[in-house]
Amino acid sequence: LAQFDEVRERFLAVDWSPDDSRIVAASDSSITLWDVASGRVALILDGPSTDLLNVRWSSDGMHIVAGGRRFVTIFDASRGYALNPSPELGSSHEAPLRDGD
């Protein structure tokens, strides 16, 4: 059992990376990645941080998908930035997800 630094909030969703080296967790105010080996925060994702309900890694470990009641945001897992900066569902910038994306 590992202890992780800087855990001061309640998490709503947690997911292991496909290679088990990182953990992503969503709280009601942030999306945080931890390095499993060190137990330290590796990255705090830049994007929607309210009304989060779920986070998941892509099967290749290169992206993280975060979702809420009215948005889905896809992040670059190595740099932490949102790849779809207008995540509000129903907006004119909405891009549907397809199998294989």
C-alpha atoms as a PDB file:
ATOM      1  CA  LEU A   1       0.000   0.000   0.000  1.00  0.00           C
ATOM      2  CA  ALA A   2       1.461   3.309  -1.095  1.00  0.00           C
ATOM      3  CA  GLN A   3       0.905   6.710   0.444  1.00  0.00           C
ATOM      4  CA  PHE A   4       0.421   9.633  -1.904  1.00  0.00           C
ATOM      5  CA  ASP A   5       1.477  13.225  -1.254  1.00  0.00           C
ATOM      6  CA  GLU A   6      -0.907  16.144  -1.249  1.00  0.00           C
ATOM      7  CA  VAL A   7      -4.135  14.167  -0.910  1.00  0.00           C
ATOM      8  CA  ARG A   8      -6.447  16.638   0.771  1.00  0.00           C
ATOM      9  CA  GLU A   9      -9.717  16.209  -1.050  1.00  0.00           C
ATOM     10  CA  ARG A  10     -12.434  13.676  -1.715  1.00  0.00           C
ATOM     11  CA  PHE A  11     -12.183  12.020  -5.112  1.00  0.00           C
ATOM     12  CA  LEU A  12     -15.218  11.237  -7.218  1.00  0.00           C
ATOM     13  CA  ALA A  13     -13.420   9.051  -9.779  1.00  0.00           C
ATOM     14  CA  VAL A  14     -10.036   7.320 -10.007  1.00  0.00           C
ATOM     15  CA  ASP A  15      -8.428   5.339 -12.819  1.00  0.00           C
ATOM     16  CA  TRP A  16      -5.065   3.560 -13.294  1.00  0.00           C
ATOM     17  CA  SER A  17      -3.079   4.154 -16.474  1.00  0.00           C
ATOM     18  CA  PRO A  18      -2.879   1.147 -18.826  1.00  0.00           C
ATOM     19  CA  ASP A  19       0.745   0.507 -17.799  1.00  0.00           C
ATOM     20  CA  ASP A  20      -0.097   0.943 -14.069  1.00  0.00           C
ATOM     21  CA  SER A  21       2.520   3.692 -13.679  1.00  0.00           C
ATOM     22  CA  ARG A  22       0.122   6.606 -13.067  1.00  0.00           C
ATOM     23  CA  ILE A  23      -3.217   7.288 -11.427  1.00  0.00           C
ATOM     24  CA  VAL A  24      -5.664   9.989 -12.453  1.00  0.00           C
ATOM     25  CA  ALA A  25      -8.241  11.228  -9.969  1.00  0.00           C
ATOM     26  CA  ALA A  26     -11.058  13.757 -10.258  1.00  0.00           C
ATOM     27  CA  SER A  27     -12.413  15.709  -7.342  1.00  0.00           C
ATOM     28  CA  ASP A  28     -15.037  18.405  -7.429  1.00  0.00           C
ATOM     29  CA  SER A  29     -12.271  20.983  -7.924  1.00  0.00           C
ATOM     30  CA  SER A  30      -9.401  19.348  -9.841  1.00  0.00           C
ATOM     31  CA  ILE A  31      -8.043  16.548 -12.018  1.00  0.00           C
ATOM     32  CA  THR A  32      -4.720  15.255 -10.705  1.00  0.00           C
ATOM     33  CA  LEU A  33      -2.203  12.684 -11.996  1.00  0.00           C
ATOM     34  CA  TRP A  34       0.108  10.852  -9.621  1.00  0.00           C
ATOM     35  CA  ASP A  35       3.237   8.896 -10.342  1.00  0.00           C
ATOM     36  CA  VAL A  36       2.671   5.530  -8.638  1.00  0.00           C
ATOM     37  CA  ALA A  37       6.360   4.762  -7.972  1.00  0.00           C
ATOM     38  CA  SER A  38       7.070   8.030  -6.166  1.00  0.00           C
ATOM     39  CA  GLY A  39       3.586   8.762  -4.819  1.00  0.00           C
ATOM     40  CA  ARG A  40       3.983  12.371  -5.934  1.00  0.00           C
ATOM     41  CA  VAL A  41       1.744  14.603  -8.015  1.00  0.00           C
ATOM     42  CA  ALA A  42       2.962  14.415 -11.610  1.00  0.00           C
ATOM     43  CA  LEU A  43       0.527  16.843 -13.189  1.00  0.00           C
ATOM     44  CA  ILE A  44      -2.605  18.858 -12.523  1.00  0.00           C
ATOM     45  CA  LEU A  45      -4.730  19.018 -15.650  1.00  0.00           C
ATOM     46  CA  ASP A  46      -5.732  22.368 -17.082  1.00  0.00           C
ATOM     47  CA  GLY A  47      -9.419  22.342 -17.926  1.00  0.00           C
ATOM     48  CA  PRO A  48     -12.905  22.032 -16.470  1.00  0.00           C
ATOM     49  CA  SER A  49     -12.727  21.387 -12.762  1.00  0.00           C
ATOM     50  CA  THR A  50     -16.338  21.626 -11.695  1.00  0.00           C
ATOM     51  CA  ASP A  51     -19.150  19.103 -11.944  1.00  0.00           C
ATOM     52  CA  LEU A  52     -16.719  16.263 -12.722  1.00  0.00           C
ATOM     53  CA  LEU A  53     -18.251  12.805 -12.551  1.00  0.00           C
ATOM     54  CA  ASN A  54     -15.707  10.499 -14.170  1.00  0.00           C
ATOM     55  CA  VAL A  55     -12.167  10.174 -15.552  1.00  0.00           C
ATOM     56  CA  ARG A  56     -10.694   7.418 -17.720  1.00  0.00           C
ATOM     57  CA  TRP A  57      -7.412   6.734 -19.502  1.00  0.00           C
ATOM     58  CA  SER A  58      -7.372   5.958 -23.215  1.00  0.00           C
ATOM     59  CA  SER A  59      -6.227   2.427 -23.981  1.00  0.00           C
ATOM     60  CA  ASP A  60      -2.846   3.709 -25.219  1.00  0.00           C
ATOM     61  CA  GLY A  61      -2.293   5.880 -22.116  1.00  0.00           C
ATOM     62  CA  MET A  62      -1.812   9.028 -24.175  1.00  0.00           C
ATOM     63  CA  HIS A  63      -5.133  10.705 -23.309  1.00  0.00           C
ATOM     64  CA  ILE A  64      -7.463  11.164 -20.376  1.00  0.00           C
ATOM     65  CA  VAL A  65     -11.183  11.679 -20.805  1.00  0.00           C
ATOM     66  CA  ALA A  66     -13.036  13.618 -18.107  1.00  0.00           C
ATOM     67  CA  GLY A  67     -16.791  13.951 -18.096  1.00  0.00           C
ATOM     68  CA  GLY A  68     -19.557  15.685 -16.269  1.00  0.00           C
ATOM     69  CA  ARG A  69     -23.273  16.221 -16.705  1.00  0.00           C
ATOM     70  CA  ARG A  70     -22.859  18.546 -19.688  1.00  0.00           C
ATOM     71  CA  PHE A  71     -19.290  18.124 -20.937  1.00  0.00           C
ATOM     72  CA  VAL A  72     -16.617  15.706 -22.042  1.00  0.00           C
ATOM     73  CA  THR A  73     -13.018  16.900 -22.163  1.00  0.00           C
ATOM     74  CA  ILE A  74     -10.096  15.007 -23.683  1.00  0.00           C
ATOM     75  CA  PHE A  75      -6.647  15.799 -22.272  1.00  0.00           C
ATOM     76  CA  ASP A  76      -3.121  15.161 -23.481  1.00  0.00           C
ATOM     77  CA  ALA A  77      -1.860  12.987 -20.602  1.00  0.00           C
ATOM     78  CA  SER A  78       1.793  14.023 -20.938  1.00  0.00           C
ATOM     79  CA  ARG A  79       1.297  17.796 -21.114  1.00  0.00           C
ATOM     80  CA  GLY A  80      -2.000  18.217 -19.299  1.00  0.00           C
ATOM     81  CA  TYR A  81      -3.804  20.506 -21.707  1.00  0.00           C
ATOM     82  CA  ALA A  82      -7.324  20.024 -23.046  1.00  0.00           C
ATOM     83  CA  LEU A  83      -7.472  18.908 -26.670  1.00  0.00           C
ATOM     84  CA  ASN A  84     -11.073  20.088 -27.047  1.00  0.00           C
ATOM     85  CA  PRO A  85     -11.175  23.492 -25.348  1.00  0.00           C
ATOM     86  CA  SER A  86     -14.934  23.922 -25.811  1.00  0.00           C
ATOM     87  CA  PRO A  87     -16.272  20.878 -23.965  1.00  0.00           C
ATOM     88  CA  GLU A  88     -19.839  22.001 -23.264  1.00  0.00           C
ATOM     89  CA  LEU A  89     -22.168  19.433 -24.828  1.00  0.00           C
ATOM     90  CA  GLY A  90     -24.546  20.940 -27.326  1.00  0.00           C
ATOM     91  CA  SER A  91     -22.237  23.835 -28.199  1.00  0.00           C
ATOM     92  CA  SER A  92     -21.428  24.744 -31.772  1.00  0.00           C
ATOM     93  CA  HIS A  93     -17.922  23.318 -31.236  1.00  0.00           C
ATOM     94  CA  GLU A  94     -19.108  19.888 -30.206  1.00  0.00           C
ATOM     95  CA  ALA A  95     -17.226  17.041 -31.887  1.00  0.00           C
ATOM     96  CA  PRO A  96     -18.774  13.581 -31.517  1.00  0.00           C
ATOM     97  CA  LEU A  97     -16.572  10.764 -30.328  1.00  0.00           C
ATOM     98  CA  ARG A  98     -16.234   7.835 -32.715  1.00  0.00           C
ATOM     99  CA  ASP A  99     -15.049   4.278 -32.157  1.00  0.00           C
ATOM    100  CA  GLY A 100     -11.268   4.231 -32.307  1.00  0.00           C
ATOM    101  CA  ASP A 101     -10.812   7.867 -31.202  1.00  0.00           C
END
